Amino acid sequence: SPVRRASANVVSVIAKYAVPAGEWPELLPFLFQCSQSNQEDHRE
């Protein structure tokens, strides 16, 4: 959906700077957890 796509774009822009600086340590584990979910909408 357009909203999911826009949200993903916002997260990616913020993560580009926050993750290397160590300011968002929860992001990558959260994304990995979502990618392993049984719920399809979590994996999108």
C-alpha atoms as a PDB file:
ATOM      1  CA  SER A   1       0.000   0.000   0.000  1.00  0.00           C
ATOM      2  CA  PRO A   2       1.153   3.586  -0.466  1.00  0.00           C
ATOM      3  CA  VAL A   3       1.146   4.211   3.287  1.00  0.00           C
ATOM      4  CA  ARG A   4       3.380   1.195   3.984  1.00  0.00           C
ATOM      5  CA  ARG A   5       5.725   2.238   1.210  1.00  0.00           C
ATOM      6  CA  ALA A   6       5.924   5.803   2.516  1.00  0.00           C
ATOM      7  CA  SER A   7       6.494   4.562   6.072  1.00  0.00           C
ATOM      8  CA  ALA A   8       9.288   2.276   4.897  1.00  0.00           C
ATOM      9  CA  ASN A   9      10.900   5.182   3.055  1.00  0.00           C
ATOM     10  CA  VAL A  10      10.804   7.359   6.174  1.00  0.00           C
ATOM     11  CA  VAL A  11      12.281   4.572   8.317  1.00  0.00           C
ATOM     12  CA  SER A  12      15.044   3.951   5.780  1.00  0.00           C
ATOM     13  CA  VAL A  13      16.052   7.616   5.667  1.00  0.00           C
ATOM     14  CA  ILE A  14      16.179   7.875   9.458  1.00  0.00           C
ATOM     15  CA  ALA A  15      17.957   4.520   9.788  1.00  0.00           C
ATOM     16  CA  LYS A  16      20.625   5.566   7.288  1.00  0.00           C
ATOM     17  CA  TYR A  17      21.975   7.960   9.914  1.00  0.00           C
ATOM     18  CA  ALA A  18      20.712   6.557  13.216  1.00  0.00           C
ATOM     19  CA  VAL A  19      21.825   2.923  12.910  1.00  0.00           C
ATOM     20  CA  PRO A  20      25.526   3.597  12.149  1.00  0.00           C
ATOM     21  CA  ALA A  21      25.588   6.112  15.005  1.00  0.00           C
ATOM     22  CA  GLY A  22      24.197   3.471  17.379  1.00  0.00           C
ATOM     23  CA  GLU A  23      21.083   5.520  18.040  1.00  0.00           C
ATOM     24  CA  TRP A  24      18.506   2.900  16.996  1.00  0.00           C
ATOM     25  CA  PRO A  25      19.790  -0.501  18.161  1.00  0.00           C
ATOM     26  CA  GLU A  26      16.297  -2.025  18.223  1.00  0.00           C
ATOM     27  CA  LEU A  27      15.634  -1.526  14.511  1.00  0.00           C
ATOM     28  CA  LEU A  28      17.567  -4.404  12.944  1.00  0.00           C
ATOM     29  CA  PRO A  29      16.408  -7.046  15.479  1.00  0.00           C
ATOM     30  CA  PHE A  30      12.833  -5.799  15.005  1.00  0.00           C
ATOM     31  CA  LEU A  31      13.069  -6.030  11.211  1.00  0.00           C
ATOM     32  CA  PHE A  32      14.557  -9.523  11.452  1.00  0.00           C
ATOM     33  CA  GLN A  33      11.774 -10.595  13.811  1.00  0.00           C
ATOM     34  CA  CYS A  34       9.150  -9.243  11.400  1.00  0.00           C
ATOM     35  CA  SER A  35      10.765 -11.042   8.474  1.00  0.00           C
ATOM     36  CA  GLN A  36      10.415 -14.349  10.354  1.00  0.00           C
ATOM     37  CA  SER A  37       6.788 -13.759  11.384  1.00  0.00           C
ATOM     38  CA  ASN A  38       3.992 -16.124  10.419  1.00  0.00           C
ATOM     39  CA  GLN A  39       1.802 -13.120   9.619  1.00  0.00           C
ATOM     40  CA  GLU A  40       2.165 -12.035   6.012  1.00  0.00           C
ATOM     41  CA  ASP A  41       1.545  -8.358   6.734  1.00  0.00           C
ATOM     42  CA  HIS A  42       4.514  -8.352   9.135  1.00  0.00           C
ATOM     43  CA  ARG A  43       6.794  -9.607   6.365  1.00  0.00           C
ATOM     44  CA  GLU A  44       5.766  -6.956   3.843  1.00  0.00           C
END
